[in-house]
Amino acid sequence: MILLALWRRGLLGRIDREKLGYFFGVGGDALALSRQYPMWRILGVLRLLVDLRYARAVGRWLEYRMNLFDGAEG
């Protein structure tokens, strides 16, 4: 479900190696918070795969985070 939600919002085309690294907690500075507390840990992975409504909400949140990372918001 989450891949469908991200695809509909157009986020799959905007993901690059650096953003995936921060999401999974690899790469970047060794002391960065994304290494200690990666984003995937706070999301219910099983729920993302099953619940479309939750996947849409997470998709909106990830879009906001991507915009902050790219400097488009904030």
C-alpha atoms as a PDB file:
ATOM      1  CA  MET A   1       0.000   0.000   0.000  1.00  0.00           C
ATOM      2  CA  ILE A   2       2.770   2.435   0.865  1.00  0.00           C
ATOM      3  CA  LEU A   3       4.399   2.109  -2.551  1.00  0.00           C
ATOM      4  CA  LEU A   4       1.059   2.856  -4.190  1.00  0.00           C
ATOM      5  CA  ALA A   5       0.553   5.903  -1.953  1.00  0.00           C
ATOM      6  CA  LEU A   6       4.068   7.203  -2.670  1.00  0.00           C
ATOM      7  CA  TRP A   7       3.665   6.602  -6.401  1.00  0.00           C
ATOM      8  CA  ARG A   8       0.362   8.517  -6.487  1.00  0.00           C
ATOM      9  CA  ARG A   9       1.960  11.500  -4.726  1.00  0.00           C
ATOM     10  CA  GLY A  10       4.897  11.442  -7.151  1.00  0.00           C
ATOM     11  CA  LEU A  11       7.451  10.759  -4.449  1.00  0.00           C
ATOM     12  CA  LEU A  12       9.050   7.659  -5.934  1.00  0.00           C
ATOM     13  CA  GLY A  13      10.689   9.756  -8.636  1.00  0.00           C
ATOM     14  CA  ARG A  14      12.096  12.224  -6.079  1.00  0.00           C
ATOM     15  CA  ILE A  15      13.803   9.639  -3.878  1.00  0.00           C
ATOM     16  CA  ASP A  16      17.568   9.610  -4.201  1.00  0.00           C
ATOM     17  CA  ARG A  17      20.362   7.716  -2.473  1.00  0.00           C
ATOM     18  CA  GLU A  18      20.926  10.317   0.238  1.00  0.00           C
ATOM     19  CA  LYS A  19      17.248  10.435   1.265  1.00  0.00           C
ATOM     20  CA  LEU A  20      17.030   6.647   1.377  1.00  0.00           C
ATOM     21  CA  GLY A  21      20.156   6.588   3.512  1.00  0.00           C
ATOM     22  CA  TYR A  22      18.602   8.930   6.061  1.00  0.00           C
ATOM     23  CA  PHE A  23      15.359   6.940   6.031  1.00  0.00           C
ATOM     24  CA  PHE A  24      17.109   3.612   6.717  1.00  0.00           C
ATOM     25  CA  GLY A  25      19.756   5.077   9.040  1.00  0.00           C
ATOM     26  CA  VAL A  26      22.855   4.481   6.902  1.00  0.00           C
ATOM     27  CA  GLY A  27      25.243   7.028   5.474  1.00  0.00           C
ATOM     28  CA  GLY A  28      25.693  10.597   6.532  1.00  0.00           C
ATOM     29  CA  ASP A  29      27.382  11.678   9.750  1.00  0.00           C
ATOM     30  CA  ALA A  30      27.953   8.953  12.349  1.00  0.00           C
ATOM     31  CA  LEU A  31      26.474  11.186  15.072  1.00  0.00           C
ATOM     32  CA  ALA A  32      23.381  12.182  13.110  1.00  0.00           C
ATOM     33  CA  LEU A  33      20.012  11.458  14.712  1.00  0.00           C
ATOM     34  CA  SER A  34      18.962   9.635  11.554  1.00  0.00           C
ATOM     35  CA  ARG A  35      21.633   7.014  12.308  1.00  0.00           C
ATOM     36  CA  GLN A  36      20.498   6.554  15.893  1.00  0.00           C
ATOM     37  CA  TYR A  37      16.747   6.778  15.260  1.00  0.00           C
ATOM     38  CA  PRO A  38      16.011   6.093  11.579  1.00  0.00           C
ATOM     39  CA  MET A  39      12.579   7.065  10.272  1.00  0.00           C
ATOM     40  CA  TRP A  40      11.511   3.539   9.387  1.00  0.00           C
ATOM     41  CA  ARG A  41      11.576   2.577  13.087  1.00  0.00           C
ATOM     42  CA  ILE A  42       8.754   4.928  14.022  1.00  0.00           C
ATOM     43  CA  LEU A  43       6.466   3.696  11.247  1.00  0.00           C
ATOM     44  CA  GLY A  44       4.406   0.547  11.602  1.00  0.00           C
ATOM     45  CA  VAL A  45       5.869  -1.420   8.703  1.00  0.00           C
ATOM     46  CA  LEU A  46       3.196  -4.122   8.749  1.00  0.00           C
ATOM     47  CA  ARG A  47       0.448  -1.518   8.983  1.00  0.00           C
ATOM     48  CA  LEU A  48       1.954   0.344   6.016  1.00  0.00           C
ATOM     49  CA  LEU A  49       1.641  -2.782   3.917  1.00  0.00           C
ATOM     50  CA  VAL A  50      -2.002  -3.414   4.828  1.00  0.00           C
ATOM     51  CA  ASP A  51      -3.799  -0.181   5.750  1.00  0.00           C
ATOM     52  CA  LEU A  52      -4.375   2.159   2.780  1.00  0.00           C
ATOM     53  CA  ARG A  53      -5.529   5.078   4.936  1.00  0.00           C
ATOM     54  CA  TYR A  54      -2.423   4.889   7.132  1.00  0.00           C
ATOM     55  CA  ALA A  55      -0.224   4.574   4.031  1.00  0.00           C
ATOM     56  CA  ARG A  56      -1.770   7.753   2.586  1.00  0.00           C
ATOM     57  CA  ALA A  57      -1.140   9.642   5.837  1.00  0.00           C
ATOM     58  CA  VAL A  58       2.469   8.451   5.948  1.00  0.00           C
ATOM     59  CA  GLY A  59       2.815   9.436   2.273  1.00  0.00           C
ATOM     60  CA  ARG A  60       1.714  12.992   3.098  1.00  0.00           C
ATOM     61  CA  TRP A  61       4.164  13.093   6.015  1.00  0.00           C
ATOM     62  CA  LEU A  62       7.024  11.780   3.872  1.00  0.00           C
ATOM     63  CA  GLU A  63       6.225  14.359   1.198  1.00  0.00           C
ATOM     64  CA  TYR A  64       6.484  17.097   3.818  1.00  0.00           C
ATOM     65  CA  ARG A  65       9.815  15.668   5.047  1.00  0.00           C
ATOM     66  CA  MET A  66      11.157  15.496   1.477  1.00  0.00           C
ATOM     67  CA  ASN A  67      10.148  19.100   0.870  1.00  0.00           C
ATOM     68  CA  LEU A  68      11.968  20.141   4.051  1.00  0.00           C
ATOM     69  CA  PHE A  69      15.051  18.194   2.963  1.00  0.00           C
ATOM     70  CA  ASP A  70      14.978  19.796  -0.494  1.00  0.00           C
ATOM     71  CA  GLY A  71      14.389  23.276   0.947  1.00  0.00           C
ATOM     72  CA  ALA A  72      10.954  23.748  -0.633  1.00  0.00           C
ATOM     73  CA  GLU A  73       9.236  24.234   2.746  1.00  0.00           C
ATOM     74  CA  GLY A  74      10.157  25.554   6.152  1.00  0.00           C
END
